[in-house]
């Protein structure tokens, strides 16, 4: 279940970033483009998160 949740969150972030980029380009509001950068960064950092090993 955790794997499916991560995939769904990654897809939602990617769709939100693309939507934000397109709204920013279409309307000319720079805030949407910045929001797109933030959402895309969240997508990439969530996709390649650092996995720590538990030391016993």
C-alpha atoms as a PDB file:
ATOM      1  CA  UNK A   1       0.000   0.000   0.000  1.00  0.00           C
ATOM      2  CA  UNK A   2       2.853   2.380   0.762  1.00  0.00           C
ATOM      3  CA  UNK A   3       4.222   1.985  -2.777  1.00  0.00           C
ATOM      4  CA  UNK A   4       0.879   2.794  -4.359  1.00  0.00           C
ATOM      5  CA  UNK A   5       0.528   5.855  -2.121  1.00  0.00           C
ATOM      6  CA  UNK A   6       3.955   7.147  -3.196  1.00  0.00           C
ATOM      7  CA  UNK A   7       3.150   6.649  -6.876  1.00  0.00           C
ATOM      8  CA  UNK A   8      -0.201   8.426  -6.551  1.00  0.00           C
ATOM      9  CA  UNK A   9       1.389  11.341  -4.679  1.00  0.00           C
ATOM     10  CA  UNK A  10       4.137  11.643  -7.303  1.00  0.00           C
ATOM     11  CA  UNK A  11       1.584  11.680 -10.116  1.00  0.00           C
ATOM     12  CA  UNK A  12      -0.548  14.250  -8.292  1.00  0.00           C
ATOM     13  CA  UNK A  13       2.478  16.516  -7.783  1.00  0.00           C
ATOM     14  CA  UNK A  14       3.479  16.177 -11.418  1.00  0.00           C
ATOM     15  CA  UNK A  15      -0.028  16.960 -12.691  1.00  0.00           C
ATOM     16  CA  UNK A  16      -0.271  19.935 -10.323  1.00  0.00           C
ATOM     17  CA  UNK A  17       3.100  21.268 -11.510  1.00  0.00           C
ATOM     18  CA  UNK A  18       2.155  20.949 -15.194  1.00  0.00           C
ATOM     19  CA  UNK A  19      -1.208  22.606 -14.529  1.00  0.00           C
ATOM     20  CA  UNK A  20       0.473  25.434 -12.653  1.00  0.00           C
ATOM     21  CA  UNK A  21       3.000  25.979 -15.453  1.00  0.00           C
ATOM     22  CA  UNK A  22       0.276  26.102 -18.094  1.00  0.00           C
ATOM     23  CA  UNK A  23      -1.871  28.499 -16.048  1.00  0.00           C
ATOM     24  CA  UNK A  24       1.142  30.754 -15.487  1.00  0.00           C
ATOM     25  CA  UNK A  25       2.066  30.850 -19.160  1.00  0.00           C
ATOM     26  CA  UNK A  26      -1.526  31.331 -20.283  1.00  0.00           C
ATOM     27  CA  UNK A  27      -2.482  34.050 -17.780  1.00  0.00           C
ATOM     28  CA  UNK A  28       0.918  35.681 -17.424  1.00  0.00           C
ATOM     29  CA  UNK A  29       0.907  35.431 -13.623  1.00  0.00           C
ATOM     30  CA  UNK A  30       4.459  34.676 -12.535  1.00  0.00           C
ATOM     31  CA  UNK A  31       3.267  33.282  -9.187  1.00  0.00           C
ATOM     32  CA  UNK A  32       1.870  30.198 -10.964  1.00  0.00           C
ATOM     33  CA  UNK A  33       5.246  29.547 -12.582  1.00  0.00           C
ATOM     34  CA  UNK A  34       6.988  29.770  -9.199  1.00  0.00           C
ATOM     35  CA  UNK A  35       4.368  27.408  -7.764  1.00  0.00           C
ATOM     36  CA  UNK A  36       5.113  25.036 -10.642  1.00  0.00           C
ATOM     37  CA  UNK A  37       8.822  25.083  -9.733  1.00  0.00           C
ATOM     38  CA  UNK A  38       7.993  24.311  -6.108  1.00  0.00           C
ATOM     39  CA  UNK A  39       5.663  21.454  -7.019  1.00  0.00           C
ATOM     40  CA  UNK A  40       8.164  20.008  -9.484  1.00  0.00           C
ATOM     41  CA  UNK A  41      10.894  20.185  -6.833  1.00  0.00           C
ATOM     42  CA  UNK A  42       8.632  18.345  -4.412  1.00  0.00           C
ATOM     43  CA  UNK A  43       8.059  15.716  -7.098  1.00  0.00           C
ATOM     44  CA  UNK A  44      11.780  15.143  -7.717  1.00  0.00           C
ATOM     45  CA  UNK A  45      12.819  15.226  -4.055  1.00  0.00           C
ATOM     46  CA  UNK A  46       9.984  12.846  -3.154  1.00  0.00           C
ATOM     47  CA  UNK A  47      10.898  10.504  -5.983  1.00  0.00           C
ATOM     48  CA  UNK A  48      14.573  10.284  -5.049  1.00  0.00           C
ATOM     49  CA  UNK A  49      14.339  10.519  -1.271  1.00  0.00           C
ATOM     50  CA  UNK A  50      17.283   9.494   0.873  1.00  0.00           C
ATOM     51  CA  UNK A  51      16.750   6.104   2.443  1.00  0.00           C
ATOM     52  CA  UNK A  52      18.490   5.627   5.751  1.00  0.00           C
ATOM     53  CA  UNK A  53      19.447   2.243   7.093  1.00  0.00           C
ATOM     54  CA  UNK A  54      18.580   1.416  10.654  1.00  0.00           C
ATOM     55  CA  UNK A  55      21.659   0.549  12.681  1.00  0.00           C
ATOM     56  CA  UNK A  56      21.017  -2.077  15.329  1.00  0.00           C
END
